[in-house]
N, C-alpha and C. Protein backbone atom coordinates (compact mmCIF):
# COMPACT_ATOMS: atom_id res chain seq x y z
N MET A 1 0.86 -1.18 0.00
CA MET A 1 0.00 0.00 0.00
C MET A 1 0.90 1.23 0.00
N ILE A 2 0.62 2.15 -0.87
CA ILE A 2 1.42 3.36 -1.00
C ILE A 2 0.71 4.51 -0.27
N SER A 3 1.50 5.33 0.40
CA SER A 3 0.91 6.47 1.10
C SER A 3 0.67 7.62 0.13
N GLU A 4 -0.15 8.56 0.57
CA GLU A 4 -0.43 9.74 -0.25
C GLU A 4 0.85 10.54 -0.51
N ALA A 5 1.67 10.69 0.52
CA ALA A 5 2.93 11.44 0.37
C ALA A 5 3.85 10.76 -0.64
N ALA A 6 3.95 9.44 -0.57
CA ALA A 6 4.80 8.71 -1.52
C ALA A 6 4.26 8.85 -2.94
N ALA A 7 2.95 8.80 -3.08
CA ALA A 7 2.34 8.96 -4.41
C ALA A 7 2.63 10.34 -4.98
N LEU A 8 2.60 11.37 -4.13
CA LEU A 8 2.92 12.73 -4.59
C LEU A 8 4.39 12.84 -4.99
N TRP A 9 5.28 12.17 -4.25
CA TRP A 9 6.71 12.18 -4.62
C TRP A 9 6.93 11.47 -5.96
N LEU A 10 6.25 10.36 -6.15
CA LEU A 10 6.36 9.65 -7.43
C LEU A 10 5.82 10.50 -8.57
N LEU A 11 4.72 11.20 -8.33
CA LEU A 11 4.17 12.11 -9.34
C LEU A 11 5.18 13.21 -9.66
N ALA A 12 5.80 13.77 -8.63
CA ALA A 12 6.79 14.83 -8.85
C ALA A 12 7.96 14.33 -9.68
N THR A 13 8.45 13.14 -9.37
CA THR A 13 9.56 12.56 -10.12
C THR A 13 9.18 12.32 -11.57
N SER A 14 8.01 11.75 -11.77
CA SER A 14 7.54 11.48 -13.13
C SER A 14 7.32 12.77 -13.91
N ALA A 15 6.73 13.78 -13.26
CA ALA A 15 6.47 15.06 -13.93
C ALA A 15 7.78 15.76 -14.29
N PHE A 16 8.76 15.70 -13.40
CA PHE A 16 10.06 16.33 -13.68
C PHE A 16 10.72 15.67 -14.88
N THR A 17 10.82 14.35 -14.85
CA THR A 17 11.51 13.66 -15.95
C THR A 17 10.75 13.77 -17.26
N SER A 18 9.42 13.85 -17.19
CA SER A 18 8.62 13.98 -18.42
C SER A 18 8.92 15.28 -19.16
N ALA A 19 9.38 16.29 -18.45
CA ALA A 19 9.65 17.59 -19.07
C ALA A 19 11.06 17.69 -19.62
N THR A 20 11.86 16.66 -19.42
CA THR A 20 13.23 16.66 -19.93
C THR A 20 13.30 15.64 -21.07
N ILE A 21 14.51 15.39 -21.53
CA ILE A 21 14.66 14.38 -22.59
C ILE A 21 14.57 12.96 -22.03
N LEU A 22 14.49 12.83 -20.71
CA LEU A 22 14.32 11.52 -20.08
C LEU A 22 12.88 11.05 -20.26
N PRO A 23 12.67 9.74 -20.31
CA PRO A 23 11.30 9.25 -20.47
C PRO A 23 10.50 9.41 -19.18
N GLY A 24 9.25 9.62 -19.32
CA GLY A 24 8.36 9.73 -18.17
C GLY A 24 6.93 9.79 -18.66
N SER A 25 6.01 9.43 -17.79
CA SER A 25 4.59 9.48 -18.17
C SER A 25 3.82 10.08 -16.99
N SER A 26 3.93 11.37 -16.85
CA SER A 26 3.33 12.04 -15.71
C SER A 26 1.80 11.96 -15.72
N GLU A 27 1.20 11.89 -16.89
CA GLU A 27 -0.26 11.80 -16.96
C GLU A 27 -0.74 10.50 -16.32
N VAL A 28 -0.04 9.41 -16.58
CA VAL A 28 -0.40 8.12 -15.98
C VAL A 28 -0.23 8.18 -14.47
N ALA A 29 0.87 8.77 -14.01
CA ALA A 29 1.10 8.91 -12.57
C ALA A 29 0.02 9.78 -11.93
N LEU A 30 -0.36 10.86 -12.61
CA LEU A 30 -1.40 11.74 -12.09
C LEU A 30 -2.73 11.00 -11.98
N LEU A 31 -3.11 10.29 -13.02
CA LEU A 31 -4.38 9.56 -13.00
C LEU A 31 -4.39 8.45 -11.94
N ALA A 32 -3.25 7.79 -11.76
CA ALA A 32 -3.16 6.76 -10.73
C ALA A 32 -3.33 7.37 -9.34
N LEU A 33 -2.70 8.52 -9.12
CA LEU A 33 -2.82 9.20 -7.84
C LEU A 33 -4.27 9.63 -7.60
N LEU A 34 -4.91 10.18 -8.62
CA LEU A 34 -6.30 10.63 -8.47
C LEU A 34 -7.24 9.46 -8.21
N ALA A 35 -6.97 8.31 -8.82
CA ALA A 35 -7.81 7.13 -8.59
C ALA A 35 -7.72 6.66 -7.15
N LYS A 36 -6.53 6.73 -6.58
CA LYS A 36 -6.30 6.26 -5.21
C LYS A 36 -6.63 7.33 -4.17
N PHE A 37 -6.29 8.59 -4.47
CA PHE A 37 -6.47 9.68 -3.52
C PHE A 37 -7.20 10.86 -4.20
N PRO A 38 -8.48 10.72 -4.52
CA PRO A 38 -9.18 11.79 -5.23
C PRO A 38 -9.24 13.10 -4.46
N GLU A 39 -9.17 13.01 -3.14
CA GLU A 39 -9.20 14.22 -2.32
C GLU A 39 -7.91 15.05 -2.44
N SER A 40 -6.90 14.50 -3.07
CA SER A 40 -5.61 15.18 -3.23
C SER A 40 -5.46 15.87 -4.58
N ALA A 41 -6.56 16.14 -5.25
CA ALA A 41 -6.49 16.72 -6.59
C ALA A 41 -5.76 18.06 -6.60
N ALA A 42 -6.02 18.91 -5.61
CA ALA A 42 -5.36 20.23 -5.58
C ALA A 42 -3.86 20.07 -5.38
N TRP A 43 -3.47 19.18 -4.46
CA TRP A 43 -2.04 18.93 -4.24
C TRP A 43 -1.41 18.33 -5.49
N ALA A 44 -2.11 17.42 -6.12
CA ALA A 44 -1.58 16.79 -7.33
C ALA A 44 -1.36 17.82 -8.43
N LEU A 45 -2.30 18.74 -8.59
CA LEU A 45 -2.15 19.81 -9.59
C LEU A 45 -0.92 20.65 -9.29
N CYS A 46 -0.75 21.04 -8.04
CA CYS A 46 0.41 21.87 -7.66
C CYS A 46 1.73 21.12 -7.86
N VAL A 47 1.78 19.89 -7.39
CA VAL A 47 3.02 19.10 -7.48
C VAL A 47 3.38 18.81 -8.93
N ALA A 48 2.42 18.35 -9.72
CA ALA A 48 2.70 18.01 -11.12
C ALA A 48 3.12 19.25 -11.91
N SER A 49 2.40 20.35 -11.71
CA SER A 49 2.71 21.58 -12.45
C SER A 49 4.09 22.12 -12.09
N LEU A 50 4.39 22.16 -10.81
CA LEU A 50 5.68 22.69 -10.37
C LEU A 50 6.83 21.80 -10.81
N ALA A 51 6.71 20.49 -10.61
CA ALA A 51 7.80 19.58 -10.99
C ALA A 51 8.01 19.57 -12.50
N ASN A 52 6.94 19.60 -13.27
CA ASN A 52 7.06 19.61 -14.72
C ASN A 52 7.68 20.92 -15.19
N THR A 53 7.33 22.03 -14.55
CA THR A 53 7.93 23.32 -14.87
C THR A 53 9.42 23.31 -14.54
N LEU A 54 9.79 22.76 -13.40
CA LEU A 54 11.21 22.68 -13.03
C LEU A 54 11.99 21.83 -14.03
N GLY A 55 11.38 20.78 -14.53
CA GLY A 55 12.03 19.97 -15.57
C GLY A 55 12.26 20.77 -16.83
N SER A 56 11.27 21.55 -17.24
CA SER A 56 11.42 22.39 -18.43
C SER A 56 12.47 23.48 -18.21
N LEU A 57 12.51 24.04 -17.00
CA LEU A 57 13.52 25.07 -16.72
C LEU A 57 14.93 24.47 -16.71
N THR A 58 15.04 23.21 -16.32
CA THR A 58 16.32 22.51 -16.42
C THR A 58 16.75 22.42 -17.88
N SER A 59 15.81 22.07 -18.75
CA SER A 59 16.11 22.02 -20.19
C SER A 59 16.49 23.40 -20.71
N LEU A 60 15.78 24.43 -20.23
CA LEU A 60 16.09 25.80 -20.65
C LEU A 60 17.52 26.17 -20.26
N LEU A 61 17.91 25.83 -19.04
CA LEU A 61 19.28 26.12 -18.59
C LEU A 61 20.30 25.33 -19.40
N LEU A 62 19.98 24.10 -19.74
CA LEU A 62 20.89 23.31 -20.59
C LEU A 62 21.02 23.96 -21.96
N GLY A 63 19.92 24.52 -22.46
CA GLY A 63 19.96 25.22 -23.74
C GLY A 63 20.89 26.41 -23.73
N ARG A 64 21.05 27.03 -22.58
CA ARG A 64 21.97 28.17 -22.47
C ARG A 64 23.43 27.73 -22.58
N TRP A 65 23.70 26.45 -22.34
CA TRP A 65 25.07 25.94 -22.43
C TRP A 65 25.45 25.52 -23.84
N VAL A 66 24.46 25.44 -24.73
CA VAL A 66 24.75 25.02 -26.11
C VAL A 66 25.62 26.08 -26.78
N PRO A 67 26.71 25.66 -27.38
CA PRO A 67 27.58 26.65 -28.05
C PRO A 67 26.83 27.40 -29.14
N PRO A 68 27.12 28.69 -29.31
CA PRO A 68 26.43 29.50 -30.32
C PRO A 68 26.53 28.93 -31.74
N LYS A 69 27.55 28.12 -32.01
CA LYS A 69 27.71 27.55 -33.35
C LYS A 69 26.64 26.51 -33.65
N THR A 70 26.07 25.90 -32.59
CA THR A 70 25.05 24.87 -32.76
C THR A 70 23.69 25.54 -32.72
N LEU A 71 23.10 25.74 -33.86
CA LEU A 71 21.83 26.47 -33.95
C LEU A 71 20.63 25.55 -33.89
N PRO A 72 19.52 26.01 -33.23
CA PRO A 72 18.27 25.28 -33.40
C PRO A 72 17.83 25.43 -34.87
N SER A 73 16.91 24.62 -35.29
CA SER A 73 16.46 24.70 -36.68
C SER A 73 15.95 26.10 -36.99
N GLU A 74 16.01 26.45 -38.26
CA GLU A 74 15.54 27.78 -38.68
C GLU A 74 14.06 27.97 -38.35
N LYS A 75 13.30 26.88 -38.45
CA LYS A 75 11.87 26.94 -38.15
C LYS A 75 11.65 27.32 -36.68
N VAL A 76 12.43 26.71 -35.78
CA VAL A 76 12.31 27.00 -34.35
C VAL A 76 12.74 28.44 -34.06
N GLN A 77 13.84 28.87 -34.68
CA GLN A 77 14.30 30.24 -34.48
C GLN A 77 13.23 31.24 -34.92
N ASN A 78 12.65 31.03 -36.09
CA ASN A 78 11.62 31.93 -36.59
C ASN A 78 10.38 31.94 -35.69
N TYR A 79 10.06 30.78 -35.14
CA TYR A 79 8.92 30.67 -34.23
C TYR A 79 9.13 31.55 -33.01
N PHE A 80 10.33 31.48 -32.41
CA PHE A 80 10.61 32.28 -31.23
C PHE A 80 10.78 33.76 -31.56
N ILE A 81 11.30 34.07 -32.73
CA ILE A 81 11.40 35.47 -33.14
C ILE A 81 10.00 36.06 -33.26
N ARG A 82 9.08 35.26 -33.78
CA ARG A 82 7.71 35.74 -33.98
C ARG A 82 6.92 35.83 -32.68
N TYR A 83 7.02 34.81 -31.81
CA TYR A 83 6.17 34.73 -30.63
C TYR A 83 6.88 35.01 -29.31
N GLY A 84 8.20 34.89 -29.25
CA GLY A 84 8.94 35.14 -28.02
C GLY A 84 8.59 34.16 -26.91
N SER A 85 8.72 34.62 -25.68
CA SER A 85 8.48 33.77 -24.51
C SER A 85 7.08 33.15 -24.47
N PRO A 86 6.02 33.84 -24.94
CA PRO A 86 4.69 33.20 -24.90
C PRO A 86 4.62 31.87 -25.67
N ALA A 87 5.57 31.63 -26.56
CA ALA A 87 5.60 30.35 -27.27
C ALA A 87 5.73 29.19 -26.29
N LEU A 88 6.28 29.46 -25.12
CA LEU A 88 6.49 28.41 -24.13
C LEU A 88 5.19 27.95 -23.47
N LEU A 89 4.08 28.62 -23.76
CA LEU A 89 2.79 28.10 -23.31
C LEU A 89 2.55 26.71 -23.89
N LEU A 90 3.22 26.41 -25.01
CA LEU A 90 3.07 25.11 -25.67
C LEU A 90 4.14 24.10 -25.25
N SER A 91 4.87 24.39 -24.19
CA SER A 91 5.94 23.47 -23.77
C SER A 91 5.38 22.15 -23.24
N TRP A 92 4.09 22.05 -23.05
CA TRP A 92 3.48 20.80 -22.60
C TRP A 92 3.18 19.84 -23.75
N VAL A 93 3.20 20.34 -24.98
CA VAL A 93 2.83 19.52 -26.14
C VAL A 93 3.85 18.40 -26.34
N PRO A 94 3.39 17.15 -26.48
CA PRO A 94 4.33 16.05 -26.69
C PRO A 94 5.27 16.30 -27.88
N LEU A 95 6.47 15.83 -27.76
CA LEU A 95 7.55 15.90 -28.74
C LEU A 95 8.12 17.32 -28.90
N ILE A 96 7.34 18.27 -29.39
CA ILE A 96 7.90 19.61 -29.58
C ILE A 96 8.10 20.34 -28.25
N GLY A 97 7.31 19.96 -27.25
CA GLY A 97 7.39 20.63 -25.96
C GLY A 97 8.75 20.53 -25.29
N ASP A 98 9.45 19.42 -25.50
CA ASP A 98 10.78 19.26 -24.91
C ASP A 98 11.81 20.15 -25.59
N ALA A 99 11.62 20.40 -26.87
CA ALA A 99 12.58 21.21 -27.63
C ALA A 99 12.40 22.71 -27.40
N LEU A 100 11.19 23.14 -27.10
CA LEU A 100 10.94 24.58 -26.95
C LEU A 100 11.77 25.21 -25.83
N PRO A 101 11.82 24.64 -24.61
CA PRO A 101 12.67 25.25 -23.58
C PRO A 101 14.16 25.22 -23.94
N LEU A 102 14.60 24.16 -24.59
CA LEU A 102 16.01 24.12 -25.03
C LEU A 102 16.31 25.27 -25.98
N ALA A 103 15.42 25.48 -26.94
CA ALA A 103 15.61 26.57 -27.90
C ALA A 103 15.52 27.93 -27.21
N ALA A 104 14.59 28.07 -26.28
CA ALA A 104 14.45 29.34 -25.55
C ALA A 104 15.72 29.64 -24.76
N GLY A 105 16.31 28.62 -24.18
CA GLY A 105 17.57 28.81 -23.47
C GLY A 105 18.69 29.21 -24.41
N TRP A 106 18.77 28.53 -25.54
CA TRP A 106 19.81 28.85 -26.52
C TRP A 106 19.66 30.28 -27.00
N LEU A 107 18.42 30.73 -27.20
CA LEU A 107 18.15 32.09 -27.68
C LEU A 107 18.23 33.13 -26.56
N ARG A 108 18.50 32.67 -25.34
CA ARG A 108 18.68 33.55 -24.18
C ARG A 108 17.44 34.40 -23.90
N LEU A 109 16.25 33.79 -24.02
CA LEU A 109 15.03 34.50 -23.68
C LEU A 109 15.00 34.76 -22.18
N PRO A 110 14.30 35.80 -21.72
CA PRO A 110 14.28 36.14 -20.29
C PRO A 110 13.74 35.00 -19.43
N MET A 111 14.51 34.63 -18.41
CA MET A 111 14.18 33.48 -17.57
C MET A 111 12.84 33.65 -16.84
N GLY A 112 12.58 34.81 -16.29
CA GLY A 112 11.33 35.03 -15.55
C GLY A 112 10.10 34.86 -16.42
N ALA A 113 10.13 35.46 -17.59
CA ALA A 113 8.99 35.34 -18.51
C ALA A 113 8.84 33.90 -18.97
N CYS A 114 9.95 33.24 -19.26
CA CYS A 114 9.89 31.84 -19.68
C CYS A 114 9.26 30.98 -18.60
N ALA A 115 9.71 31.16 -17.35
CA ALA A 115 9.18 30.38 -16.24
C ALA A 115 7.68 30.59 -16.09
N MET A 116 7.23 31.84 -16.22
CA MET A 116 5.81 32.14 -16.07
C MET A 116 4.98 31.44 -17.15
N TYR A 117 5.42 31.54 -18.40
CA TYR A 117 4.65 30.93 -19.49
C TYR A 117 4.68 29.41 -19.43
N ILE A 118 5.81 28.85 -19.04
CA ILE A 118 5.89 27.39 -18.89
C ILE A 118 4.92 26.94 -17.80
N LEU A 119 4.96 27.62 -16.65
CA LEU A 119 4.09 27.25 -15.53
C LEU A 119 2.61 27.37 -15.91
N LEU A 120 2.25 28.43 -16.61
CA LEU A 120 0.86 28.60 -17.04
C LEU A 120 0.41 27.46 -17.97
N GLY A 121 1.24 27.13 -18.94
CA GLY A 121 0.90 26.06 -19.87
C GLY A 121 0.79 24.71 -19.20
N LYS A 122 1.74 24.41 -18.34
CA LYS A 122 1.74 23.10 -17.66
C LYS A 122 0.55 22.99 -16.71
N THR A 123 0.27 24.07 -15.97
CA THR A 123 -0.86 24.05 -15.03
C THR A 123 -2.18 23.89 -15.77
N ALA A 124 -2.33 24.56 -16.90
CA ALA A 124 -3.55 24.42 -17.69
C ALA A 124 -3.72 22.98 -18.17
N ARG A 125 -2.64 22.37 -18.61
CA ARG A 125 -2.74 20.99 -19.09
C ARG A 125 -3.15 20.04 -17.97
N TYR A 126 -2.43 20.09 -16.83
CA TYR A 126 -2.77 19.20 -15.72
C TYR A 126 -4.16 19.51 -15.16
N GLY A 127 -4.54 20.78 -15.15
CA GLY A 127 -5.88 21.15 -14.70
C GLY A 127 -6.95 20.52 -15.58
N MET A 128 -6.74 20.53 -16.88
CA MET A 128 -7.70 19.91 -17.80
C MET A 128 -7.77 18.40 -17.59
N ILE A 129 -6.63 17.77 -17.36
CA ILE A 129 -6.63 16.32 -17.11
C ILE A 129 -7.44 16.02 -15.85
N ILE A 130 -7.24 16.81 -14.81
CA ILE A 130 -7.97 16.60 -13.55
C ILE A 130 -9.46 16.85 -13.75
N LEU A 131 -9.81 17.91 -14.46
CA LEU A 131 -11.23 18.18 -14.73
C LEU A 131 -11.87 17.03 -15.51
N LEU A 132 -11.18 16.53 -16.50
CA LEU A 132 -11.72 15.41 -17.29
C LEU A 132 -11.85 14.15 -16.44
N PHE A 133 -10.91 13.96 -15.51
CA PHE A 133 -10.97 12.79 -14.63
C PHE A 133 -12.24 12.80 -13.77
N PHE A 134 -12.60 13.98 -13.27
CA PHE A 134 -13.76 14.09 -12.38
C PHE A 134 -15.06 14.38 -13.11
N TRP A 135 -15.01 14.51 -14.43
CA TRP A 135 -16.21 14.82 -15.21
C TRP A 135 -17.22 13.68 -15.09
N LYS A 136 -18.42 14.01 -14.75
CA LYS A 136 -19.45 12.97 -14.57
C LYS A 136 -20.36 12.93 -15.75
């Protein structure tokens, strides 16, 4: 039997790794936690959103270490030139979401704005998953 605290830690670990190039399935962990501890939905939303955001910020910081000679694709550069930090609202999208923070870091976008947009996007995604879980 797993405790609520342990389930939240597992969710945090899964959410963090899911936002990096490491494999993870935070949605499955979130749904498992909600099935076992439905009263913890608010905590689950906070933990998953924060851990997933921290994972993306880790990728963003890694992107800042990429040498200037190694460019993101022209398509990604043009995307960020056009939309800037708000593009990171889509950092939750599978496949492209992992690359967006890396590119934002490489392009040296402002860290505070990036963190805010990443957190908003991730929270909206997990919030929708939780709402759909409880939809009757």
